[in-house]
Amino acid sequence: MDAVSLSVQMWLGSMFVYSAALKLAAYSQARRAVAAHQVLPPRAATVFGVALPWLEATAGSLLLLGVVHPGPPLTRLGSALGAVLGATFAYGTAHVLVHEREVPCGCTGNDFVSVSKVTLARAGCVLGASVFLLASPIGRSDLVPWAVVVAVAAAAAAPAALVAGRDLVRRLRRRQVERLHARADLQLH
């Protein structure tokens, strides 16, 4: 495997891990974002919204494992799944843009960024990188040690841990405030 293919594979794998981890950290928002695109019927959108982070995690894991495991099967499976996801993202984004709706992107599990032409370009990059890897010759890849791949995957998932930790602290603070209000109400009565 040449350096370009290896770099694309590492980037795409870590990007999928990053995106999946952030969607899992904000699972309900990510599911709502899929439904908001209005591409699928409501039940199908719910199923796809639930499955999407796990499909991304699978694609990312296969691509990253394909860097250290000899032979092409993992890389080919990860690339094929990446191409399907990239095409799906591009279609959903184009659908929203054509219908001129304001819809949360959901790319990283948040509701703050709306679908835009940039979203379409990102989907095109995912699709293009996946197709590039499918078309690339894949040989033994003993170029990258396990420790590097684990470090890349951990770095890609780290933002999700920060989001999950922040959300946990917010929930704990909210509960603490609710308890204080409940105690104050009891003391007043």
C-alpha atoms as a PDB file:
ATOM      1  CA  MET A   1       0.000   0.000   0.000  1.00  0.00           C
ATOM      2  CA  ASP A   2       1.473   3.360  -0.908  1.00  0.00           C
ATOM      3  CA  ALA A   3       1.715   6.342   1.424  1.00  0.00           C
ATOM      4  CA  VAL A   4      -1.230   8.192  -0.181  1.00  0.00           C
ATOM      5  CA  SER A   5      -3.612   5.243   0.160  1.00  0.00           C
ATOM      6  CA  LEU A   6      -2.412   4.635   3.701  1.00  0.00           C
ATOM      7  CA  SER A   7      -2.954   8.300   4.622  1.00  0.00           C
ATOM      8  CA  VAL A   8      -6.437   8.344   3.081  1.00  0.00           C
ATOM      9  CA  GLN A   9      -7.324   5.114   4.885  1.00  0.00           C
ATOM     10  CA  MET A  10      -6.120   6.456   8.249  1.00  0.00           C
ATOM     11  CA  TRP A  11      -7.959   9.782   7.712  1.00  0.00           C
ATOM     12  CA  LEU A  12     -11.213   8.145   6.626  1.00  0.00           C
ATOM     13  CA  GLY A  13     -11.124   5.541   9.397  1.00  0.00           C
ATOM     14  CA  SER A  14     -10.433   8.112  12.095  1.00  0.00           C
ATOM     15  CA  MET A  15     -13.083  10.467  10.665  1.00  0.00           C
ATOM     16  CA  PHE A  16     -15.717   7.716  10.890  1.00  0.00           C
ATOM     17  CA  VAL A  17     -14.668   6.874  14.465  1.00  0.00           C
ATOM     18  CA  TYR A  18     -14.807  10.587  15.374  1.00  0.00           C
ATOM     19  CA  SER A  19     -18.240  11.083  13.841  1.00  0.00           C
ATOM     20  CA  ALA A  20     -19.659   7.882  15.345  1.00  0.00           C
ATOM     21  CA  ALA A  21     -18.358   8.683  18.815  1.00  0.00           C
ATOM     22  CA  LEU A  22     -19.856  12.191  18.770  1.00  0.00           C
ATOM     23  CA  LYS A  23     -23.193  10.846  17.503  1.00  0.00           C
ATOM     24  CA  LEU A  24     -23.244   8.243  20.271  1.00  0.00           C
ATOM     25  CA  ALA A  25     -22.458  10.933  22.855  1.00  0.00           C
ATOM     26  CA  ALA A  26     -25.492  12.914  21.613  1.00  0.00           C
ATOM     27  CA  TYR A  27     -27.562   9.946  20.447  1.00  0.00           C
ATOM     28  CA  SER A  28     -31.056  11.484  20.532  1.00  0.00           C
ATOM     29  CA  GLN A  29     -29.967  14.620  18.656  1.00  0.00           C
ATOM     30  CA  ALA A  30     -28.281  12.521  15.964  1.00  0.00           C
ATOM     31  CA  ARG A  31     -31.437  10.433  15.511  1.00  0.00           C
ATOM     32  CA  ARG A  32     -33.569  13.581  15.248  1.00  0.00           C
ATOM     33  CA  ALA A  33     -31.218  15.021  12.626  1.00  0.00           C
ATOM     34  CA  VAL A  34     -31.738  11.968  10.400  1.00  0.00           C
ATOM     35  CA  ALA A  35     -35.529  12.320  10.667  1.00  0.00           C
ATOM     36  CA  ALA A  36     -35.332  16.078   9.980  1.00  0.00           C
ATOM     37  CA  HIS A  37     -33.825  15.410   6.542  1.00  0.00           C
ATOM     38  CA  GLN A  38     -37.224  13.948   5.522  1.00  0.00           C
ATOM     39  CA  VAL A  39     -35.648  11.562   3.035  1.00  0.00           C
ATOM     40  CA  LEU A  40     -37.001   8.391   4.650  1.00  0.00           C
ATOM     41  CA  PRO A  41     -40.417   7.565   6.086  1.00  0.00           C
ATOM     42  CA  PRO A  42     -40.505   8.302   9.861  1.00  0.00           C
ATOM     43  CA  ARG A  43     -40.002   4.707  11.057  1.00  0.00           C
ATOM     44  CA  ALA A  44     -37.216   4.038   8.571  1.00  0.00           C
ATOM     45  CA  ALA A  45     -35.563   7.341   9.575  1.00  0.00           C
ATOM     46  CA  THR A  46     -35.682   6.260  13.228  1.00  0.00           C
ATOM     47  CA  VAL A  47     -34.113   2.886  12.426  1.00  0.00           C
ATOM     48  CA  PHE A  48     -31.432   4.505  10.274  1.00  0.00           C
ATOM     49  CA  GLY A  49     -30.804   7.165  12.926  1.00  0.00           C
ATOM     50  CA  VAL A  50     -30.275   4.459  15.544  1.00  0.00           C
ATOM     51  CA  ALA A  51     -28.017   2.408  13.247  1.00  0.00           C
ATOM     52  CA  LEU A  52     -25.995   5.261  11.714  1.00  0.00           C
ATOM     53  CA  PRO A  53     -23.383   5.762  14.462  1.00  0.00           C
ATOM     54  CA  TRP A  54     -22.827   2.016  14.648  1.00  0.00           C
ATOM     55  CA  LEU A  55     -22.396   1.792  10.862  1.00  0.00           C
ATOM     56  CA  GLU A  56     -19.881   4.643  10.998  1.00  0.00           C
ATOM     57  CA  ALA A  57     -18.043   2.987  13.893  1.00  0.00           C
ATOM     58  CA  THR A  58     -17.922  -0.260  11.917  1.00  0.00           C
ATOM     59  CA  ALA A  59     -16.599   1.449   8.776  1.00  0.00           C
ATOM     60  CA  GLY A  60     -13.970   3.330  10.789  1.00  0.00           C
ATOM     61  CA  SER A  61     -12.889   0.245  12.718  1.00  0.00           C
ATOM     62  CA  LEU A  62     -12.586  -1.846   9.567  1.00  0.00           C
ATOM     63  CA  LEU A  63     -10.506   0.833   7.871  1.00  0.00           C
ATOM     64  CA  LEU A  64      -8.208   1.302  10.864  1.00  0.00           C
ATOM     65  CA  LEU A  65      -7.846  -2.437  11.441  1.00  0.00           C
ATOM     66  CA  GLY A  66      -7.110  -2.851   7.729  1.00  0.00           C
ATOM     67  CA  VAL A  67      -4.010  -0.698   8.222  1.00  0.00           C
ATOM     68  CA  VAL A  68      -2.392  -3.214  10.570  1.00  0.00           C
ATOM     69  CA  HIS A  69      -3.909  -6.505   9.458  1.00  0.00           C
ATOM     70  CA  PRO A  70      -2.294  -8.053   6.393  1.00  0.00           C
ATOM     71  CA  GLY A  71      -4.479  -8.353   3.320  1.00  0.00           C
ATOM     72  CA  PRO A  72      -7.320  -6.382   1.792  1.00  0.00           C
ATOM     73  CA  PRO A  73     -10.622  -7.788   3.201  1.00  0.00           C
ATOM     74  CA  LEU A  74     -10.994  -5.348   6.115  1.00  0.00           C
ATOM     75  CA  THR A  75     -10.008  -2.348   4.024  1.00  0.00           C
ATOM     76  CA  ARG A  76     -12.335  -3.361   1.188  1.00  0.00           C
ATOM     77  CA  LEU A  77     -15.289  -3.875   3.552  1.00  0.00           C
ATOM     78  CA  GLY A  78     -14.616  -0.571   5.338  1.00  0.00           C
ATOM     79  CA  SER A  79     -14.232   1.251   2.021  1.00  0.00           C
ATOM     80  CA  ALA A  80     -17.433  -0.251   0.608  1.00  0.00           C
ATOM     81  CA  LEU A  81     -19.398   0.688   3.728  1.00  0.00           C
ATOM     82  CA  GLY A  82     -17.788   4.143   3.620  1.00  0.00           C
ATOM     83  CA  ALA A  83     -18.861   4.575  -0.015  1.00  0.00           C
ATOM     84  CA  VAL A  84     -22.445   3.621   0.842  1.00  0.00           C
ATOM     85  CA  LEU A  85     -22.455   6.031   3.793  1.00  0.00           C
ATOM     86  CA  GLY A  86     -20.855   8.800   1.707  1.00  0.00           C
ATOM     87  CA  ALA A  87     -23.427   8.369  -1.062  1.00  0.00           C
ATOM     88  CA  THR A  88     -26.217   8.346   1.537  1.00  0.00           C
ATOM     89  CA  PHE A  89     -24.888  11.526   3.169  1.00  0.00           C
ATOM     90  CA  ALA A  90     -24.541  13.233  -0.235  1.00  0.00           C
ATOM     91  CA  TYR A  91     -28.069  12.265  -1.270  1.00  0.00           C
ATOM     92  CA  GLY A  92     -29.607  13.385   2.030  1.00  0.00           C
ATOM     93  CA  THR A  93     -27.726  16.678   1.933  1.00  0.00           C
ATOM     94  CA  ALA A  94     -28.636  17.344  -1.705  1.00  0.00           C
ATOM     95  CA  HIS A  95     -32.285  16.564  -0.889  1.00  0.00           C
ATOM     96  CA  VAL A  96     -32.302  19.161   1.891  1.00  0.00           C
ATOM     97  CA  LEU A  97     -30.537  21.776  -0.251  1.00  0.00           C
ATOM     98  CA  VAL A  98     -32.874  21.266  -3.228  1.00  0.00           C
ATOM     99  CA  HIS A  99     -35.930  21.645  -0.980  1.00  0.00           C
ATOM    100  CA  GLU A 100     -34.314  24.673   0.721  1.00  0.00           C
ATOM    101  CA  ARG A 101     -35.025  23.496   4.250  1.00  0.00           C
ATOM    102  CA  GLU A 102     -33.210  24.512   7.426  1.00  0.00           C
ATOM    103  CA  VAL A 103     -32.111  21.164   8.860  1.00  0.00           C
ATOM    104  CA  PRO A 104     -29.441  20.333  11.444  1.00  0.00           C
ATOM    105  CA  CYS A 105     -26.505  18.578   9.839  1.00  0.00           C
ATOM    106  CA  GLY A 106     -26.150  15.948  12.546  1.00  0.00           C
ATOM    107  CA  CYS A 107     -22.628  15.175  11.300  1.00  0.00           C
ATOM    108  CA  THR A 108     -21.227  15.291  14.805  1.00  0.00           C
ATOM    109  CA  GLY A 109     -24.421  14.596  16.696  1.00  0.00           C
ATOM    110  CA  ASN A 110     -25.288  18.227  17.382  1.00  0.00           C
ATOM    111  CA  ASP A 111     -28.150  20.453  16.326  1.00  0.00           C
ATOM    112  CA  PHE A 112     -26.066  23.620  16.014  1.00  0.00           C
ATOM    113  CA  VAL A 113     -24.803  23.361  12.429  1.00  0.00           C
ATOM    114  CA  SER A 114     -27.283  23.404   9.551  1.00  0.00           C
ATOM    115  CA  VAL A 115     -26.946  21.482   6.299  1.00  0.00           C
ATOM    116  CA  SER A 116     -25.096  23.571   3.722  1.00  0.00           C
ATOM    117  CA  LYS A 117     -22.978  23.270   0.608  1.00  0.00           C
ATOM    118  CA  VAL A 118     -20.034  22.582   2.940  1.00  0.00           C
ATOM    119  CA  THR A 119     -21.943  19.549   4.241  1.00  0.00           C
ATOM    120  CA  LEU A 120     -22.362  18.368   0.658  1.00  0.00           C
ATOM    121  CA  ALA A 121     -18.632  18.860   0.014  1.00  0.00           C
ATOM    122  CA  ARG A 122     -17.784  16.801   3.134  1.00  0.00           C
ATOM    123  CA  ALA A 123     -20.095  14.010   1.969  1.00  0.00           C
ATOM    124  CA  GLY A 124     -18.391  14.148  -1.431  1.00  0.00           C
ATOM    125  CA  CYS A 125     -14.980  13.834   0.253  1.00  0.00           C
ATOM    126  CA  VAL A 126     -16.151  10.786   2.212  1.00  0.00           C
ATOM    127  CA  LEU A 127     -17.550   9.192  -0.947  1.00  0.00           C
ATOM    128  CA  GLY A 128     -14.471  10.101  -3.013  1.00  0.00           C
ATOM    129  CA  ALA A 129     -12.014   8.814  -0.410  1.00  0.00           C
ATOM    130  CA  SER A 130     -13.966   5.562  -0.090  1.00  0.00           C
ATOM    131  CA  VAL A 131     -14.069   5.018  -3.850  1.00  0.00           C
ATOM    132  CA  PHE A 132     -10.360   5.890  -4.079  1.00  0.00           C
ATOM    133  CA  LEU A 133      -9.581   3.194  -1.511  1.00  0.00           C
ATOM    134  CA  LEU A 134     -11.797   0.678  -3.319  1.00  0.00           C
ATOM    135  CA  ALA A 135      -9.888   1.381  -6.549  1.00  0.00           C
ATOM    136  CA  SER A 136      -6.428   1.325  -4.912  1.00  0.00           C
ATOM    137  CA  PRO A 137      -4.318  -1.821  -4.916  1.00  0.00           C
ATOM    138  CA  ILE A 138      -4.034  -3.112  -1.380  1.00  0.00           C
ATOM    139  CA  GLY A 139      -1.148  -5.273  -0.270  1.00  0.00           C
ATOM    140  CA  ARG A 140       0.417  -6.119   3.055  1.00  0.00           C
ATOM    141  CA  SER A 141       0.255  -3.165   5.352  1.00  0.00           C
ATOM    142  CA  ASP A 142       2.874  -3.690   7.965  1.00  0.00           C
ATOM    143  CA  LEU A 143       3.743   0.013   7.733  1.00  0.00           C
ATOM    144  CA  VAL A 144       1.737   1.148  10.748  1.00  0.00           C
ATOM    145  CA  PRO A 145       2.144  -0.391  14.206  1.00  0.00           C
ATOM    146  CA  TRP A 146      -0.901  -1.192  16.322  1.00  0.00           C
ATOM    147  CA  ALA A 147       0.032   1.479  18.863  1.00  0.00           C
ATOM    148  CA  VAL A 148      -0.240   4.202  16.212  1.00  0.00           C
ATOM    149  CA  VAL A 149      -3.642   2.985  15.041  1.00  0.00           C
ATOM    150  CA  VAL A 150      -4.932   2.760  18.623  1.00  0.00           C
ATOM    151  CA  ALA A 151      -3.622   6.279  19.299  1.00  0.00           C
ATOM    152  CA  VAL A 152      -5.350   7.624  16.159  1.00  0.00           C
ATOM    153  CA  ALA A 153      -8.640   5.937  17.100  1.00  0.00           C
ATOM    154  CA  ALA A 154      -8.415   7.222  20.682  1.00  0.00           C
ATOM    155  CA  ALA A 155      -7.655  10.747  19.486  1.00  0.00           C
ATOM    156  CA  ALA A 156     -10.598  10.555  17.091  1.00  0.00           C
ATOM    157  CA  ALA A 157     -12.964   9.433  19.865  1.00  0.00           C
ATOM    158  CA  ALA A 158     -11.647  11.874  22.506  1.00  0.00           C
ATOM    159  CA  PRO A 159     -13.992  14.765  21.579  1.00  0.00           C
ATOM    160  CA  ALA A 160     -16.965  12.497  22.219  1.00  0.00           C
ATOM    161  CA  ALA A 161     -15.643  11.710  25.681  1.00  0.00           C
ATOM    162  CA  LEU A 162     -15.419  15.437  26.352  1.00  0.00           C
ATOM    163  CA  VAL A 163     -18.986  15.987  25.110  1.00  0.00           C
ATOM    164  CA  ALA A 164     -20.287  13.061  27.154  1.00  0.00           C
ATOM    165  CA  GLY A 165     -18.431  14.292  30.255  1.00  0.00           C
ATOM    166  CA  ARG A 166     -19.776  17.831  29.814  1.00  0.00           C
ATOM    167  CA  ASP A 167     -23.320  16.509  29.414  1.00  0.00           C
ATOM    168  CA  LEU A 168     -22.953  14.311  32.495  1.00  0.00           C
ATOM    169  CA  VAL A 169     -21.753  17.275  34.576  1.00  0.00           C
ATOM    170  CA  ARG A 170     -24.715  19.351  33.332  1.00  0.00           C
ATOM    171  CA  ARG A 171     -27.205  16.609  34.236  1.00  0.00           C
ATOM    172  CA  LEU A 172     -25.669  16.175  37.688  1.00  0.00           C
ATOM    173  CA  ARG A 173     -25.784  19.929  38.310  1.00  0.00           C
ATOM    174  CA  ARG A 174     -29.390  20.088  37.119  1.00  0.00           C
ATOM    175  CA  ARG A 175     -30.356  17.279  39.511  1.00  0.00           C
ATOM    176  CA  GLN A 176     -28.539  19.000  42.349  1.00  0.00           C
ATOM    177  CA  VAL A 177     -30.410  22.259  41.678  1.00  0.00           C
ATOM    178  CA  GLU A 178     -33.723  20.382  41.477  1.00  0.00           C
ATOM    179  CA  ARG A 179     -33.016  18.724  44.844  1.00  0.00           C
ATOM    180  CA  LEU A 180     -32.163  22.079  46.407  1.00  0.00           C
ATOM    181  CA  HIS A 181     -35.414  23.557  45.075  1.00  0.00           C
ATOM    182  CA  ALA A 182     -37.372  20.576  46.360  1.00  0.00           C
ATOM    183  CA  ARG A 183     -35.812  20.959  49.828  1.00  0.00           C
ATOM    184  CA  ALA A 184     -36.567  24.678  49.834  1.00  0.00           C
ATOM    185  CA  ASP A 185     -40.185  23.971  48.868  1.00  0.00           C
ATOM    186  CA  LEU A 186     -40.481  21.433  51.699  1.00  0.00           C
ATOM    187  CA  GLN A 187     -39.100  23.892  54.213  1.00  0.00           C
ATOM    188  CA  LEU A 188     -41.553  26.568  53.103  1.00  0.00           C
ATOM    189  CA  HIS A 189     -44.559  24.309  53.632  1.00  0.00           C
END
